[in-house]
Amino acid sequence: MFCPGFATIGRLLEGETAAKKSGVKVGDCIVAVSGQGFRRFAPDFEESELQNLSKNTHVPNDNRVLHMGKGESYHALMAKIKAVKASNGSPPLTLSLERYTWDSKLNSWPRFLEARARNVPAAMKLLQEHEVWKKETFPIDLTRDGIQEVLRLKAVAEIDLPQSRGPPVVYVNIAKLQAVESIAPDDVCKAFVIFTEMMLARATDSRNPKTSQCK
């Protein structure tokens, strides 16, 4: 629903491919081919605000928005890619991609939709409430005495586990928290949010980030 393009990177081939060398990641969205836009809707930001990761040359995009029937825009995108590849490098094939964080509307919407049994109005309400919560919660003031005390005691911390053992784990030591009366529940919650946010931001697939909790 919130995806800016008609194709998203779903998998990367094994080995040191050109995509991996260029920094492409699973979840990146294709929005232009050799400067010609293939967008579902106009961007709500200026191109100058984007971080350009191109190692060689940057091809400006015209940010063209397509209005076609179901499936037709995707086929037009693939046809353009094939046509440029068949042109023997003139112009060279350049894919422009956009990357969105794990908690962007693009990636959070499917989770909210699933959480509300695919009830679109209910999921939209949950998404709107989440966006309000983010505005009210961030940025978190790390200089607060209570948060500093939680971090010093390691009452909330990340358990260092190898990636192969599963998703990262945030640990809450209830005994340590109960022993310190000066720590407010809100400081504990904020410390928990800090660790959870950092762990989810490291997800290899921004569409499906995971963490675990233990206490």
Protein backbone atom coordinates (compact mmCIF):
# COMPACT_ATOMS: atom_id res chain seq x y z
CA MET A 1 0.00 0.00 0.00
CA PHE A 2 2.81 2.41 0.86
CA CYS A 3 5.43 0.96 -1.50
CA PRO A 4 6.77 3.76 -3.77
CA GLY A 5 7.53 1.44 -6.68
CA PHE A 6 6.28 -1.67 -8.46
CA ALA A 7 9.22 -3.98 -7.70
CA THR A 8 11.09 -4.71 -4.48
CA ILE A 9 14.30 -6.69 -3.96
CA GLY A 10 13.14 -9.95 -2.41
CA ARG A 11 16.34 -11.99 -2.50
CA LEU A 12 20.03 -11.60 -3.28
CA LEU A 13 22.00 -14.30 -5.04
CA GLU A 14 24.87 -16.01 -3.24
CA GLY A 15 28.40 -14.73 -3.77
CA GLU A 16 29.89 -11.32 -4.45
CA THR A 17 27.37 -10.14 -7.02
CA ALA A 18 27.23 -6.65 -8.54
CA ALA A 19 24.16 -5.93 -6.41
CA LYS A 20 25.96 -6.80 -3.17
CA LYS A 21 29.02 -4.80 -4.16
CA SER A 22 26.76 -1.82 -4.80
CA GLY A 23 25.19 -2.13 -1.35
CA VAL A 24 21.76 -3.36 -2.44
CA LYS A 25 19.74 -4.95 0.37
CA VAL A 26 16.60 -7.04 0.58
CA GLY A 27 13.59 -4.73 0.78
CA ASP A 28 15.02 -1.98 -1.45
CA CYS A 29 12.45 -0.57 -3.91
CA ILE A 30 13.14 0.12 -7.60
CA VAL A 31 11.79 3.57 -8.48
CA ALA A 32 13.58 4.36 -11.76
CA VAL A 33 15.41 2.72 -14.65
CA SER A 34 18.21 4.76 -16.25
CA GLY A 35 16.59 7.97 -15.06
CA GLN A 36 13.03 7.12 -16.11
CA GLY A 37 10.71 6.96 -13.12
CA PHE A 38 8.49 4.01 -12.29
CA ARG A 39 6.74 5.27 -9.19
CA ARG A 40 3.35 4.42 -7.71
CA PHE A 41 3.04 7.92 -6.27
CA ALA A 42 5.09 11.10 -6.15
CA PRO A 43 7.83 11.28 -3.48
CA ASP A 44 7.16 13.44 -0.44
CA PHE A 45 10.80 14.56 -0.27
CA GLU A 46 13.32 16.38 -2.43
CA GLU A 47 15.95 14.28 -4.21
CA SER A 48 18.64 16.44 -2.57
CA GLU A 49 17.51 15.02 0.78
CA LEU A 50 18.44 11.47 -0.23
CA GLN A 51 21.76 9.85 0.51
CA ASN A 52 23.37 8.90 -2.79
CA LEU A 53 25.23 5.60 -2.46
CA SER A 54 26.27 5.36 -6.13
CA LYS A 55 29.98 4.70 -6.39
CA ASN A 56 30.37 6.00 -9.93
CA THR A 57 27.81 8.31 -11.51
CA HIS A 58 24.42 9.46 -10.30
CA VAL A 59 21.55 9.48 -12.81
CA PRO A 60 18.88 12.08 -11.92
CA ASN A 61 15.35 10.68 -11.91
CA ASP A 62 12.33 12.33 -13.48
CA ASN A 63 10.12 10.86 -10.71
CA ARG A 64 7.50 9.85 -13.26
CA VAL A 65 4.37 8.36 -11.72
CA LEU A 66 2.62 5.57 -13.63
CA HIS A 67 -1.14 5.15 -13.71
CA MET A 68 -1.86 1.80 -15.32
CA GLY A 69 -4.03 -1.22 -14.72
CA LYS A 70 -3.25 -4.00 -12.27
CA GLY A 71 0.07 -5.61 -13.13
CA GLU A 72 0.66 -3.38 -16.16
CA SER A 73 3.07 -1.03 -14.37
CA TYR A 74 5.25 -3.92 -13.24
CA HIS A 75 5.37 -5.33 -16.77
CA ALA A 76 6.26 -1.86 -18.10
CA LEU A 77 9.12 -1.68 -15.59
CA MET A 78 10.48 -5.09 -16.60
CA ALA A 79 10.11 -4.23 -20.29
CA LYS A 80 12.17 -1.08 -19.76
CA ILE A 81 14.91 -3.02 -17.97
CA LYS A 82 15.05 -5.60 -20.77
CA ALA A 83 15.10 -2.87 -23.44
CA VAL A 84 18.01 -1.04 -21.81
CA LYS A 85 19.92 -4.31 -21.34
CA ALA A 86 19.40 -5.05 -25.04
CA SER A 87 20.82 -1.66 -26.05
CA ASN A 88 24.40 -2.87 -25.44
CA GLY A 89 25.21 -0.26 -22.83
CA SER A 90 23.91 2.87 -24.53
CA PRO A 91 22.43 4.11 -22.30
CA PRO A 92 23.84 1.96 -19.49
CA LEU A 93 21.40 0.14 -17.25
CA THR A 94 21.08 2.08 -13.98
CA LEU A 95 18.55 1.10 -11.37
CA SER A 96 17.55 3.71 -8.81
CA LEU A 97 16.44 2.25 -5.50
CA GLU A 98 15.01 3.67 -2.30
CA ARG A 99 15.52 2.11 1.12
CA TYR A 100 13.03 2.44 3.95
CA THR A 101 13.60 1.64 7.60
CA TRP A 102 11.98 -1.26 9.42
CA ASP A 103 9.47 1.10 11.06
CA SER A 104 8.51 3.12 7.99
CA LYS A 105 4.89 2.94 6.88
CA LEU A 106 5.99 0.78 3.96
CA ASN A 107 7.30 -1.94 6.27
CA SER A 108 5.08 -1.51 9.31
CA TRP A 109 1.78 -1.57 7.39
CA PRO A 110 1.86 -5.35 6.63
CA ARG A 111 2.49 -6.07 10.32
CA PHE A 112 -0.43 -3.91 11.46
CA LEU A 113 -2.65 -5.44 8.79
CA GLU A 114 -1.79 -8.93 10.03
CA ALA A 115 -2.29 -7.88 13.66
CA ARG A 116 -5.86 -6.82 12.85
CA ALA A 117 -6.73 -9.94 10.83
CA ARG A 118 -6.47 -7.99 7.56
CA ASN A 119 -9.18 -5.55 8.62
CA VAL A 120 -8.03 -2.46 6.70
CA PRO A 121 -9.84 0.25 8.76
CA ALA A 122 -8.68 -1.32 12.04
CA ALA A 123 -5.12 -1.69 10.74
CA MET A 124 -5.09 1.92 9.53
CA LYS A 125 -6.24 3.09 12.96
CA LEU A 126 -3.43 1.10 14.58
CA LEU A 127 -0.89 2.56 12.15
CA GLN A 128 -2.07 6.11 12.88
CA GLU A 129 -1.85 5.49 16.64
CA HIS A 130 1.68 4.15 16.17
CA GLU A 131 2.74 7.21 14.19
CA VAL A 132 1.38 9.45 16.99
CA TRP A 133 3.27 7.37 19.57
CA LYS A 134 6.53 7.80 17.63
CA LYS A 135 6.14 11.58 17.53
CA GLU A 136 5.42 11.69 21.26
CA THR A 137 8.23 9.27 22.23
CA PHE A 138 11.22 10.22 20.09
CA PRO A 139 13.81 11.49 20.50
CA ILE A 140 14.39 9.88 23.91
CA ASP A 141 16.43 11.96 26.34
CA LEU A 142 19.36 9.68 27.17
CA THR A 143 20.60 12.08 29.86
CA ARG A 144 17.69 11.30 32.19
CA ASP A 145 19.02 10.02 35.53
CA GLY A 146 16.63 7.09 35.59
CA ILE A 147 17.62 5.86 32.14
CA GLN A 148 21.30 6.28 32.98
CA GLU A 149 20.81 4.19 36.11
CA VAL A 150 19.05 1.44 34.19
CA LEU A 151 21.89 1.33 31.69
CA ARG A 152 24.57 1.44 34.41
CA LEU A 153 23.02 -1.50 36.24
CA LYS A 154 22.46 -3.35 32.96
CA ALA A 155 18.96 -3.99 34.25
CA VAL A 156 17.88 -3.76 30.61
CA ALA A 157 20.46 -4.99 28.15
CA GLU A 158 21.05 -6.97 25.00
CA ILE A 159 22.21 -10.56 25.28
CA ASP A 160 25.20 -11.14 23.01
CA LEU A 161 24.26 -14.15 20.89
CA PRO A 162 25.64 -15.31 17.52
CA GLN A 163 23.36 -14.41 14.61
CA SER A 164 22.98 -18.10 13.81
CA ARG A 165 21.25 -18.65 17.16
CA GLY A 166 18.26 -16.57 16.16
CA PRO A 167 17.03 -12.98 16.51
CA PRO A 168 18.72 -10.61 19.00
CA VAL A 169 17.46 -10.72 22.58
CA VAL A 170 16.77 -7.88 25.01
CA TYR A 171 17.00 -8.87 28.66
CA VAL A 172 15.16 -7.32 31.61
CA ASN A 173 16.52 -8.06 35.11
CA ILE A 174 13.46 -7.68 37.34
CA ALA A 175 15.44 -8.29 40.55
CA LYS A 176 17.82 -5.40 39.87
CA LEU A 177 14.94 -3.05 39.07
CA GLN A 178 13.04 -3.98 42.23
CA ALA A 179 16.14 -3.27 44.33
CA VAL A 180 16.36 0.37 43.17
CA GLU A 181 13.37 2.50 44.17
CA SER A 182 14.62 5.61 42.37
CA ILE A 183 14.03 4.13 38.92
CA ALA A 184 10.63 5.06 37.50
CA PRO A 185 8.69 2.56 35.34
CA ASP A 186 8.77 5.07 32.47
CA ASP A 187 12.59 5.02 32.50
CA VAL A 188 12.56 1.23 32.29
CA CYS A 189 10.15 1.34 29.36
CA LYS A 190 12.28 3.90 27.54
CA ALA A 191 15.43 1.83 28.07
CA PHE A 192 13.58 -1.19 26.70
CA VAL A 193 12.48 0.82 23.67
CA ILE A 194 16.06 2.03 23.07
CA PHE A 195 17.49 -1.50 22.92
CA THR A 196 14.59 -2.83 20.88
CA GLU A 197 14.93 -0.01 18.34
CA MET A 198 18.68 -0.58 17.96
CA MET A 199 18.24 -4.31 17.46
CA LEU A 200 15.42 -3.98 14.94
CA ALA A 201 17.43 -1.38 13.00
CA ARG A 202 20.13 -4.03 12.43
CA ALA A 203 17.70 -6.45 10.75
CA THR A 204 19.00 -7.84 7.47
CA ASP A 205 15.46 -7.71 6.05
CA SER A 206 13.72 -4.45 6.96
CA ARG A 207 10.38 -5.99 5.96
CA ASN A 208 10.55 -8.68 8.62
CA PRO A 209 12.64 -7.55 11.63
CA LYS A 210 12.61 -9.73 14.72
CA THR A 211 13.70 -9.58 18.36
CA SER A 212 13.15 -11.70 21.43
CA GLN A 213 12.67 -10.72 25.08
CA CYS A 214 13.47 -12.53 28.29
CA LYS A 215 13.36 -11.67 31.99
